[in-house]
C-alpha cells in the first residue's frame, strides 16, 4: 500500500495551484470541517450550508493563484466562505434588517470565540439581519465599516443590528439561567 505524506501548507498551496488532485483533496479534507462551521454560522439549513461550502471551495481552487501568502491561508479561505454565504443569502433575499437605531449595546457572552451548541441555537434563532451582523462582528471580528461594505448597508445599521442581536441574546440567556 502506497501512503503519501501530506503536503506542508506552502507545498499544498503550490500543488493546488498546479491542479494536483491529491493536494486539492488534502486541502478540502483539512479545511472543510472548519469551513462548514463558518458557512453554518450564516445558513441555518445544513444542506444549504454544505452546498455553499462546496461552491466556495470551487472558488478557492479557481482563485488560489490570487493568494499571496499575505496573512493566514485559512483566513483567506474563510473570507471566501463568508462572501459565498452572504451571496447565497442575497440570492434568497434573506438579508433583511430591522431599522431601529435606538437599541443599546449589551454584553452577551464573555468569550465570543467559544460558541457552544447552546449559544449556536440562540444565535440561529435571531432575526436574520441581526444574526449576520452578530456573526460577522462578534464571531469573525469584522469592523462595522467592513460589514457595511460587505452587506451594502450603513455603518449605523450595522451597529444597531449588533446592539439588537446582543439585547435579544441577553434576554434569551437570562431566560435559560
N, C-alpha and C. Protein backbone atom coordinates (compact mmCIF):
# COMPACT_ATOMS: atom_id res chain seq x y z
N UNK A 1 0.84 -1.17 0.00
CA UNK A 1 0.00 0.00 0.00
C UNK A 1 0.90 1.24 0.00
N UNK A 2 0.63 2.18 -0.90
CA UNK A 2 1.45 3.36 -1.07
C UNK A 2 0.80 4.55 -0.37
N UNK A 3 1.33 4.92 0.79
CA UNK A 3 0.80 6.07 1.53
C UNK A 3 1.68 7.29 1.28
N UNK A 4 1.06 8.35 0.82
CA UNK A 4 1.80 9.60 0.58
C UNK A 4 1.74 10.44 1.84
N UNK A 5 2.85 11.11 2.12
CA UNK A 5 2.85 12.02 3.26
C UNK A 5 2.11 13.29 2.85
N UNK A 6 1.40 13.88 3.79
CA UNK A 6 0.66 15.10 3.47
C UNK A 6 1.62 16.25 3.13
N UNK A 7 1.14 17.14 2.31
CA UNK A 7 1.93 18.30 1.91
C UNK A 7 1.98 19.30 3.06
N UNK A 8 3.10 20.01 3.18
CA UNK A 8 3.15 21.16 4.10
C UNK A 8 2.25 22.24 3.52
N UNK A 9 1.91 23.27 4.31
CA UNK A 9 0.98 24.28 3.83
C UNK A 9 1.48 24.98 2.56
N UNK A 10 2.74 25.38 2.53
CA UNK A 10 3.25 26.08 1.35
C UNK A 10 3.31 25.14 0.14
N UNK A 11 3.69 23.89 0.37
CA UNK A 11 3.71 22.93 -0.72
C UNK A 11 2.29 22.60 -1.17
N UNK A 12 1.38 22.53 -0.22
CA UNK A 12 -0.02 22.27 -0.54
C UNK A 12 -0.57 23.36 -1.45
N UNK A 13 -0.33 24.60 -1.10
CA UNK A 13 -0.79 25.73 -1.93
C UNK A 13 -0.18 25.63 -3.32
N UNK A 14 1.11 25.37 -3.39
CA UNK A 14 1.78 25.25 -4.67
C UNK A 14 1.19 24.12 -5.51
N UNK A 15 0.96 22.98 -4.88
CA UNK A 15 0.42 21.82 -5.60
C UNK A 15 -1.03 22.07 -6.06
N UNK A 16 -1.82 22.74 -5.24
CA UNK A 16 -3.19 23.07 -5.64
C UNK A 16 -3.15 24.05 -6.82
N UNK A 17 -2.21 24.99 -6.79
CA UNK A 17 -2.06 25.92 -7.91
C UNK A 17 -1.73 25.19 -9.21
N UNK A 18 -1.09 24.04 -9.07
CA UNK A 18 -0.74 23.22 -10.24
C UNK A 18 -1.80 22.16 -10.53
N UNK A 19 -2.98 22.30 -9.94
CA UNK A 19 -4.12 21.40 -10.17
C UNK A 19 -3.85 19.96 -9.77
N UNK A 20 -3.04 19.75 -8.76
CA UNK A 20 -2.77 18.41 -8.24
C UNK A 20 -4.01 17.94 -7.47
N UNK A 21 -4.64 16.88 -7.95
CA UNK A 21 -5.89 16.38 -7.34
C UNK A 21 -5.68 15.91 -5.90
N UNK A 22 -4.56 15.27 -5.62
CA UNK A 22 -4.29 14.80 -4.25
C UNK A 22 -4.17 16.00 -3.30
N UNK A 23 -3.54 17.06 -3.77
CA UNK A 23 -3.41 18.27 -2.95
C UNK A 23 -4.77 18.94 -2.75
N UNK A 24 -5.59 18.96 -3.80
CA UNK A 24 -6.93 19.52 -3.67
C UNK A 24 -7.74 18.74 -2.64
N UNK A 25 -7.62 17.43 -2.69
CA UNK A 25 -8.34 16.58 -1.72
C UNK A 25 -7.83 16.85 -0.30
N UNK A 26 -6.50 16.95 -0.15
CA UNK A 26 -5.94 17.23 1.18
C UNK A 26 -6.44 18.57 1.69
N UNK A 27 -6.44 19.59 0.83
CA UNK A 27 -6.90 20.92 1.24
C UNK A 27 -8.36 20.84 1.69
N UNK A 28 -9.18 20.17 0.90
CA UNK A 28 -10.60 20.04 1.25
C UNK A 28 -10.76 19.29 2.56
N UNK A 29 -10.09 18.15 2.69
CA UNK A 29 -10.21 17.34 3.91
C UNK A 29 -9.73 18.11 5.14
N UNK A 30 -8.69 18.89 4.97
CA UNK A 30 -8.10 19.62 6.08
C UNK A 30 -8.98 20.78 6.55
N UNK A 31 -9.58 21.49 5.60
CA UNK A 31 -10.30 22.72 5.96
C UNK A 31 -11.83 22.61 5.93
N UNK A 32 -12.39 21.56 5.35
CA UNK A 32 -13.85 21.52 5.21
C UNK A 32 -14.61 21.50 6.53
N UNK A 33 -14.16 20.80 7.58
CA UNK A 33 -14.95 20.87 8.82
C UNK A 33 -15.06 22.29 9.38
N UNK A 34 -13.96 23.00 9.40
CA UNK A 34 -13.97 24.38 9.91
C UNK A 34 -14.78 25.29 9.00
N UNK A 35 -14.64 25.11 7.69
CA UNK A 35 -15.34 25.98 6.75
C UNK A 35 -16.84 25.69 6.71
N UNK A 36 -17.22 24.45 6.94
CA UNK A 36 -18.65 24.15 7.03
C UNK A 36 -19.23 24.87 8.25
N UNK A 37 -18.49 24.86 9.33
CA UNK A 37 -18.91 25.57 10.54
C UNK A 37 -19.07 27.07 10.25
N UNK A 38 -18.15 27.63 9.48
CA UNK A 38 -18.24 29.04 9.11
C UNK A 38 -19.50 29.30 8.30
N UNK A 39 -19.75 28.49 7.28
CA UNK A 39 -20.96 28.66 6.46
C UNK A 39 -22.21 28.47 7.30
N UNK A 40 -22.16 27.53 8.18
CA UNK A 40 -23.29 27.21 9.05
C UNK A 40 -23.65 28.37 9.98
N UNK A 41 -22.68 29.22 10.30
CA UNK A 41 -22.96 30.39 11.13
C UNK A 41 -23.97 31.32 10.44
N UNK A 42 -23.98 31.33 9.12
CA UNK A 42 -24.85 32.21 8.36
C UNK A 42 -26.09 31.52 7.83
N UNK A 43 -25.96 30.24 7.54
CA UNK A 43 -27.03 29.50 6.87
C UNK A 43 -27.52 28.40 7.80
N UNK A 44 -28.77 28.50 8.22
CA UNK A 44 -29.32 27.55 9.19
C UNK A 44 -29.37 26.12 8.64
N UNK A 45 -29.84 25.97 7.43
CA UNK A 45 -30.04 24.65 6.85
C UNK A 45 -28.70 24.01 6.50
N UNK A 46 -28.42 22.86 7.10
CA UNK A 46 -27.13 22.19 6.92
C UNK A 46 -26.86 21.85 5.46
N UNK A 47 -27.89 21.39 4.74
CA UNK A 47 -27.68 21.01 3.34
C UNK A 47 -27.31 22.22 2.49
N UNK A 48 -27.98 23.34 2.73
CA UNK A 48 -27.63 24.57 2.01
C UNK A 48 -26.23 25.04 2.38
N UNK A 49 -25.89 24.93 3.66
CA UNK A 49 -24.55 25.34 4.10
C UNK A 49 -23.49 24.46 3.43
N UNK A 50 -23.75 23.17 3.32
CA UNK A 50 -22.81 22.26 2.63
C UNK A 50 -22.67 22.63 1.17
N UNK A 51 -23.79 22.94 0.50
CA UNK A 51 -23.75 23.35 -0.91
C UNK A 51 -22.93 24.62 -1.09
N UNK A 52 -23.16 25.58 -0.21
CA UNK A 52 -22.43 26.84 -0.29
C UNK A 52 -20.94 26.59 -0.06
N UNK A 53 -20.61 25.74 0.91
CA UNK A 53 -19.22 25.43 1.19
C UNK A 53 -18.55 24.80 -0.05
N UNK A 54 -19.25 23.88 -0.70
CA UNK A 54 -18.68 23.24 -1.89
C UNK A 54 -18.45 24.25 -3.01
N UNK A 55 -19.41 25.15 -3.22
CA UNK A 55 -19.23 26.21 -4.23
C UNK A 55 -18.06 27.11 -3.87
N UNK A 56 -17.94 27.41 -2.59
CA UNK A 56 -16.83 28.26 -2.13
C UNK A 56 -15.49 27.56 -2.33
N UNK A 57 -15.43 26.25 -2.09
CA UNK A 57 -14.18 25.53 -2.33
C UNK A 57 -13.82 25.54 -3.81
N UNK A 58 -14.82 25.49 -4.67
CA UNK A 58 -14.54 25.61 -6.11
C UNK A 58 -13.89 26.97 -6.40
N UNK A 59 -14.38 28.01 -5.74
CA UNK A 59 -13.77 29.34 -5.92
C UNK A 59 -12.36 29.38 -5.34
N UNK A 60 -12.15 28.67 -4.23
CA UNK A 60 -10.80 28.58 -3.67
C UNK A 60 -9.86 27.97 -4.70
N UNK A 61 -10.29 26.86 -5.30
CA UNK A 61 -9.43 26.18 -6.29
C UNK A 61 -9.23 27.03 -7.54
N UNK A 62 -10.28 27.71 -7.99
CA UNK A 62 -10.19 28.55 -9.19
C UNK A 62 -9.34 29.80 -8.97
N UNK A 63 -9.32 30.30 -7.74
CA UNK A 63 -8.66 31.58 -7.46
C UNK A 63 -7.41 31.45 -6.59
N UNK A 64 -6.93 30.26 -6.41
CA UNK A 64 -5.80 30.06 -5.49
C UNK A 64 -4.55 30.81 -5.94
N UNK A 65 -4.44 31.10 -7.21
CA UNK A 65 -3.29 31.88 -7.69
C UNK A 65 -3.32 33.31 -7.18
N UNK A 66 -4.48 33.75 -6.66
CA UNK A 66 -4.59 35.09 -6.10
C UNK A 66 -4.11 35.17 -4.66
N UNK A 67 -3.92 34.01 -4.02
CA UNK A 67 -3.40 34.01 -2.65
C UNK A 67 -1.93 34.39 -2.68
N UNK A 68 -1.55 35.39 -1.89
CA UNK A 68 -0.20 35.96 -1.95
C UNK A 68 0.61 35.73 -0.68
N UNK A 69 0.29 34.70 0.11
CA UNK A 69 0.98 34.49 1.38
C UNK A 69 0.95 35.74 2.25
N UNK A 70 -0.11 36.49 2.12
CA UNK A 70 -0.30 37.73 2.86
C UNK A 70 -1.33 37.46 3.94
N UNK A 71 -0.88 36.98 5.09
CA UNK A 71 -1.80 36.59 6.15
C UNK A 71 -2.04 35.10 6.13
N UNK A 72 -2.96 34.69 6.95
CA UNK A 72 -3.28 33.28 7.13
C UNK A 72 -3.99 32.70 5.90
N UNK A 73 -3.55 31.53 5.47
CA UNK A 73 -4.21 30.84 4.36
C UNK A 73 -5.63 30.45 4.77
N UNK A 74 -5.78 29.96 5.99
CA UNK A 74 -7.11 29.61 6.48
C UNK A 74 -8.02 30.83 6.50
N UNK A 75 -7.48 31.97 6.89
CA UNK A 75 -8.25 33.22 6.88
C UNK A 75 -8.70 33.61 5.49
N UNK A 76 -7.81 33.38 4.50
CA UNK A 76 -8.14 33.67 3.10
C UNK A 76 -9.30 32.79 2.64
N UNK A 77 -9.23 31.51 2.99
CA UNK A 77 -10.32 30.59 2.63
C UNK A 77 -11.60 31.01 3.35
N UNK A 78 -11.50 31.36 4.63
CA UNK A 78 -12.67 31.76 5.41
C UNK A 78 -13.38 32.95 4.78
N UNK A 79 -12.62 33.93 4.29
CA UNK A 79 -13.23 35.09 3.64
C UNK A 79 -14.06 34.67 2.42
N UNK A 80 -13.54 33.72 1.67
CA UNK A 80 -14.28 33.22 0.51
C UNK A 80 -15.56 32.54 0.98
N UNK A 81 -15.49 31.76 2.04
CA UNK A 81 -16.68 31.08 2.58
C UNK A 81 -17.72 32.10 3.03
N UNK A 82 -17.28 33.14 3.72
CA UNK A 82 -18.21 34.16 4.21
C UNK A 82 -18.86 34.88 3.05
N UNK A 83 -18.07 35.28 2.09
CA UNK A 83 -18.62 36.01 0.94
C UNK A 83 -19.59 35.13 0.14
N UNK A 84 -19.27 33.87 0.01
CA UNK A 84 -20.16 32.95 -0.71
C UNK A 84 -21.46 32.75 0.08
N UNK A 85 -21.35 32.66 1.40
CA UNK A 85 -22.55 32.53 2.25
C UNK A 85 -23.44 33.76 2.11
N UNK A 86 -22.83 34.94 2.14
CA UNK A 86 -23.60 36.18 2.01
C UNK A 86 -24.23 36.28 0.61
N UNK A 87 -23.51 35.83 -0.41
CA UNK A 87 -24.07 35.83 -1.78
C UNK A 87 -25.28 34.92 -1.85
N UNK A 88 -25.18 33.75 -1.22
CA UNK A 88 -26.30 32.82 -1.18
C UNK A 88 -27.51 33.48 -0.50
N UNK A 89 -27.27 34.12 0.64
CA UNK A 89 -28.36 34.77 1.35
C UNK A 89 -28.98 35.89 0.54
N UNK A 90 -28.14 36.65 -0.17
CA UNK A 90 -28.65 37.71 -1.04
C UNK A 90 -29.54 37.12 -2.12
N UNK A 91 -29.09 36.01 -2.71
CA UNK A 91 -29.85 35.39 -3.81
C UNK A 91 -31.20 34.88 -3.32
N UNK A 92 -31.27 34.51 -2.06
CA UNK A 92 -32.53 34.03 -1.48
C UNK A 92 -33.31 35.17 -0.84
N UNK A 93 -32.79 36.39 -1.00
CA UNK A 93 -33.41 37.60 -0.43
C UNK A 93 -33.62 37.45 1.07
N UNK A 94 -32.61 36.91 1.74
CA UNK A 94 -32.68 36.70 3.19
C UNK A 94 -31.86 37.70 3.98
N UNK A 95 -31.32 38.70 3.32
CA UNK A 95 -30.59 39.74 4.03
C UNK A 95 -31.54 40.90 4.29
N UNK A 96 -32.23 40.83 5.41
CA UNK A 96 -33.13 41.91 5.78
C UNK A 96 -32.77 42.40 7.18
N UNK A 97 -33.01 43.66 7.41
CA UNK A 97 -32.58 44.28 8.66
C UNK A 97 -33.72 45.04 9.29
N UNK A 98 -33.76 45.02 10.62
CA UNK A 98 -34.75 45.77 11.38
C UNK A 98 -34.18 47.16 11.58
N UNK A 99 -34.92 48.16 11.16
CA UNK A 99 -34.43 49.54 11.27
C UNK A 99 -34.81 50.11 12.63
N UNK A 100 -33.90 50.02 13.60
CA UNK A 100 -34.13 50.60 14.92
C UNK A 100 -32.78 50.96 15.50
N UNK A 101 -32.37 52.18 15.26
CA UNK A 101 -31.04 52.62 15.71
C UNK A 101 -31.00 52.99 17.18
N UNK A 102 -32.10 52.84 17.90
CA UNK A 102 -32.14 53.26 19.29
C UNK A 102 -31.86 52.14 20.28
N UNK A 103 -31.43 50.98 19.81
CA UNK A 103 -31.13 49.87 20.71
C UNK A 103 -29.81 50.16 21.42
N UNK A 104 -29.72 49.71 22.69
CA UNK A 104 -28.48 49.92 23.43
C UNK A 104 -27.59 48.69 23.32
N UNK A 105 -26.29 48.88 23.38
CA UNK A 105 -25.35 47.78 23.27
C UNK A 105 -25.24 47.08 24.61
N UNK A 106 -25.48 45.78 24.62
CA UNK A 106 -25.40 44.98 25.84
C UNK A 106 -24.44 43.84 25.62
N UNK A 107 -23.71 43.47 26.65
CA UNK A 107 -22.77 42.38 26.57
C UNK A 107 -23.51 41.05 26.66
N UNK A 108 -23.07 40.06 25.87
CA UNK A 108 -23.77 38.79 25.83
C UNK A 108 -22.95 37.65 26.39
N UNK A 109 -21.82 37.38 25.79
CA UNK A 109 -21.01 36.25 26.24
C UNK A 109 -19.62 36.74 26.58
N UNK A 110 -18.97 36.09 27.54
CA UNK A 110 -17.66 36.55 27.97
C UNK A 110 -16.59 36.23 26.94
N UNK A 111 -16.67 35.09 26.28
CA UNK A 111 -15.69 34.72 25.26
C UNK A 111 -16.42 34.43 23.96
N UNK A 112 -16.52 35.41 23.04
CA UNK A 112 -17.31 35.23 21.84
C UNK A 112 -16.76 34.17 20.89
N UNK A 113 -15.50 33.76 21.07
CA UNK A 113 -14.93 32.77 20.16
C UNK A 113 -15.29 31.35 20.55
N UNK A 114 -15.90 31.20 21.71
CA UNK A 114 -16.31 29.87 22.14
C UNK A 114 -17.83 29.80 22.06
N UNK A 115 -18.33 29.43 20.89
CA UNK A 115 -19.76 29.37 20.67
C UNK A 115 -20.19 27.91 20.84
N UNK A 116 -20.81 27.60 21.97
CA UNK A 116 -21.26 26.24 22.23
C UNK A 116 -22.51 25.96 21.41
N UNK A 117 -22.94 24.72 21.42
CA UNK A 117 -24.17 24.36 20.72
C UNK A 117 -25.37 25.10 21.28
N UNK A 118 -25.38 25.33 22.59
CA UNK A 118 -26.49 26.07 23.19
C UNK A 118 -26.52 27.50 22.66
N UNK A 119 -25.36 28.15 22.62
CA UNK A 119 -25.30 29.51 22.08
C UNK A 119 -25.59 29.51 20.59
N UNK A 120 -25.14 28.48 19.88
CA UNK A 120 -25.40 28.41 18.43
C UNK A 120 -26.90 28.39 18.17
N UNK A 121 -27.64 27.66 18.96
CA UNK A 121 -29.10 27.60 18.80
C UNK A 121 -29.71 28.99 19.04
N UNK A 122 -29.22 29.68 20.07
CA UNK A 122 -29.72 31.03 20.34
C UNK A 122 -29.39 31.98 19.19
N UNK A 123 -28.18 31.84 18.64
CA UNK A 123 -27.79 32.68 17.51
C UNK A 123 -28.65 32.35 16.29
N UNK A 124 -28.90 31.06 16.06
CA UNK A 124 -29.75 30.65 14.94
C UNK A 124 -31.14 31.25 15.02
N UNK A 125 -31.64 31.45 16.24
CA UNK A 125 -32.99 31.95 16.43
C UNK A 125 -33.11 33.47 16.31
N UNK A 126 -31.99 34.16 16.18
CA UNK A 126 -32.04 35.62 16.00
C UNK A 126 -32.68 35.95 14.65
N UNK A 127 -33.32 37.11 14.54
CA UNK A 127 -33.77 37.56 13.21
C UNK A 127 -32.58 37.60 12.25
N UNK A 128 -32.82 37.27 11.00
CA UNK A 128 -31.74 37.07 10.03
C UNK A 128 -30.73 38.21 10.00
N UNK A 129 -31.19 39.42 9.78
CA UNK A 129 -30.26 40.53 9.62
C UNK A 129 -29.32 40.71 10.79
N UNK A 130 -29.88 40.73 11.99
CA UNK A 130 -29.01 40.95 13.15
C UNK A 130 -28.14 39.72 13.43
N UNK A 131 -28.59 38.54 13.02
CA UNK A 131 -27.76 37.33 13.18
C UNK A 131 -26.49 37.45 12.31
N UNK A 132 -26.66 37.89 11.07
CA UNK A 132 -25.49 38.01 10.19
C UNK A 132 -24.50 39.04 10.74
N UNK A 133 -25.02 40.16 11.20
CA UNK A 133 -24.16 41.20 11.76
C UNK A 133 -23.45 40.68 13.00
N UNK A 134 -24.18 39.98 13.87
CA UNK A 134 -23.59 39.43 15.10
C UNK A 134 -22.44 38.49 14.75
N UNK A 135 -22.66 37.59 13.82
CA UNK A 135 -21.63 36.61 13.45
C UNK A 135 -20.43 37.32 12.83
N UNK A 136 -20.69 38.24 11.91
CA UNK A 136 -19.58 38.95 11.27
C UNK A 136 -18.77 39.75 12.28
N UNK A 137 -19.44 40.40 13.21
CA UNK A 137 -18.76 41.25 14.17
C UNK A 137 -18.15 40.46 15.33
N UNK A 138 -18.97 39.73 16.05
CA UNK A 138 -18.52 39.09 17.28
C UNK A 138 -17.72 37.81 17.01
N UNK A 139 -18.19 36.98 16.10
CA UNK A 139 -17.52 35.71 15.85
C UNK A 139 -16.33 35.88 14.91
N UNK A 140 -16.54 36.60 13.80
CA UNK A 140 -15.49 36.74 12.79
C UNK A 140 -14.56 37.92 13.04
N UNK A 141 -15.01 38.91 13.81
CA UNK A 141 -14.14 40.03 14.16
C UNK A 141 -14.08 41.17 13.16
N UNK A 142 -15.05 41.25 12.25
CA UNK A 142 -15.06 42.35 11.29
C UNK A 142 -15.50 43.64 11.96
N UNK A 143 -14.99 44.75 11.48
CA UNK A 143 -15.37 46.08 11.96
C UNK A 143 -16.67 46.50 11.24
N UNK A 144 -17.39 47.44 11.85
CA UNK A 144 -18.67 47.86 11.28
C UNK A 144 -18.52 48.40 9.86
N UNK A 145 -17.44 49.12 9.60
CA UNK A 145 -17.22 49.65 8.24
C UNK A 145 -17.09 48.51 7.23
N UNK A 146 -16.35 47.46 7.60
CA UNK A 146 -16.19 46.30 6.70
C UNK A 146 -17.52 45.59 6.49
N UNK A 147 -18.29 45.44 7.55
CA UNK A 147 -19.59 44.78 7.46
C UNK A 147 -20.51 45.59 6.56
N UNK A 148 -20.52 46.89 6.76
CA UNK A 148 -21.37 47.77 5.95
C UNK A 148 -21.03 47.62 4.46
N UNK A 149 -19.75 47.56 4.15
CA UNK A 149 -19.34 47.41 2.75
C UNK A 149 -19.74 46.04 2.20
N UNK A 150 -19.55 44.98 2.99
CA UNK A 150 -19.89 43.63 2.54
C UNK A 150 -21.39 43.48 2.28
N UNK A 151 -22.20 44.08 3.15
CA UNK A 151 -23.65 43.89 3.07
C UNK A 151 -24.38 45.03 2.37
N UNK A 152 -23.62 46.05 1.97
CA UNK A 152 -24.20 47.21 1.31
C UNK A 152 -25.26 47.89 2.18
N UNK A 153 -24.87 48.15 3.43
CA UNK A 153 -25.72 48.83 4.40
C UNK A 153 -24.91 49.95 5.03
N UNK A 154 -25.57 50.77 5.83
CA UNK A 154 -24.84 51.84 6.51
C UNK A 154 -24.13 51.31 7.75
N UNK A 155 -23.12 52.02 8.20
CA UNK A 155 -22.42 51.66 9.43
C UNK A 155 -23.40 51.71 10.60
N UNK A 156 -24.29 52.70 10.60
CA UNK A 156 -25.28 52.82 11.66
C UNK A 156 -26.21 51.61 11.73
N UNK A 157 -26.59 51.10 10.56
CA UNK A 157 -27.44 49.90 10.54
C UNK A 157 -26.68 48.72 11.11
N UNK A 158 -25.41 48.60 10.77
CA UNK A 158 -24.59 47.52 11.32
C UNK A 158 -24.53 47.61 12.84
N UNK A 159 -24.28 48.79 13.34
CA UNK A 159 -24.19 48.98 14.80
C UNK A 159 -25.51 48.69 15.49
N UNK A 160 -26.61 49.18 14.93
CA UNK A 160 -27.90 48.96 15.58
C UNK A 160 -28.31 47.49 15.53
N UNK A 161 -27.97 46.79 14.43
CA UNK A 161 -28.29 45.37 14.33
C UNK A 161 -27.49 44.56 15.36
N UNK A 162 -26.23 44.92 15.56
CA UNK A 162 -25.42 44.24 16.56
C UNK A 162 -25.99 44.47 17.95
N UNK A 163 -26.35 45.69 18.23
CA UNK A 163 -26.92 46.01 19.55
C UNK A 163 -28.22 45.24 19.76
N UNK A 164 -29.04 45.17 18.74
CA UNK A 164 -30.31 44.46 18.84
C UNK A 164 -30.07 42.96 19.05
N UNK A 165 -29.11 42.39 18.33
CA UNK A 165 -28.78 40.97 18.49
C UNK A 165 -28.31 40.69 19.91
N UNK A 166 -27.46 41.55 20.44
CA UNK A 166 -26.95 41.36 21.80
C UNK A 166 -28.07 41.47 22.82
N UNK A 167 -28.97 42.40 22.59
CA UNK A 167 -30.10 42.56 23.51
C UNK A 167 -30.95 41.28 23.52
N UNK A 168 -31.27 40.78 22.32
CA UNK A 168 -32.08 39.57 22.22
C UNK A 168 -31.38 38.36 22.85
N UNK A 169 -30.09 38.23 22.59
CA UNK A 169 -29.34 37.11 23.16
C UNK A 169 -29.29 37.20 24.68
N UNK A 170 -29.08 38.39 25.19
CA UNK A 170 -29.04 38.57 26.64
C UNK A 170 -30.37 38.16 27.26
N UNK A 171 -31.46 38.57 26.63
CA UNK A 171 -32.79 38.19 27.14
C UNK A 171 -32.96 36.68 27.13
N UNK A 172 -32.54 36.02 26.06
CA UNK A 172 -32.69 34.57 25.96
C UNK A 172 -31.81 33.83 26.97
N UNK A 173 -30.60 34.33 27.17
CA UNK A 173 -29.69 33.72 28.15
C UNK A 173 -30.25 33.86 29.55
N UNK A 174 -30.82 35.00 29.85
CA UNK A 174 -31.40 35.21 31.18
C UNK A 174 -32.60 34.28 31.40
N UNK A 175 -33.36 33.97 30.36
CA UNK A 175 -34.49 33.04 30.48
C UNK A 175 -34.02 31.61 30.76
N UNK A 176 -32.87 31.25 30.19
CA UNK A 176 -32.31 29.90 30.36
C UNK A 176 -31.79 29.69 31.76
N UNK A 177 -31.16 30.71 32.31
CA UNK A 177 -30.49 30.60 33.63
C UNK A 177 -31.45 30.43 34.72
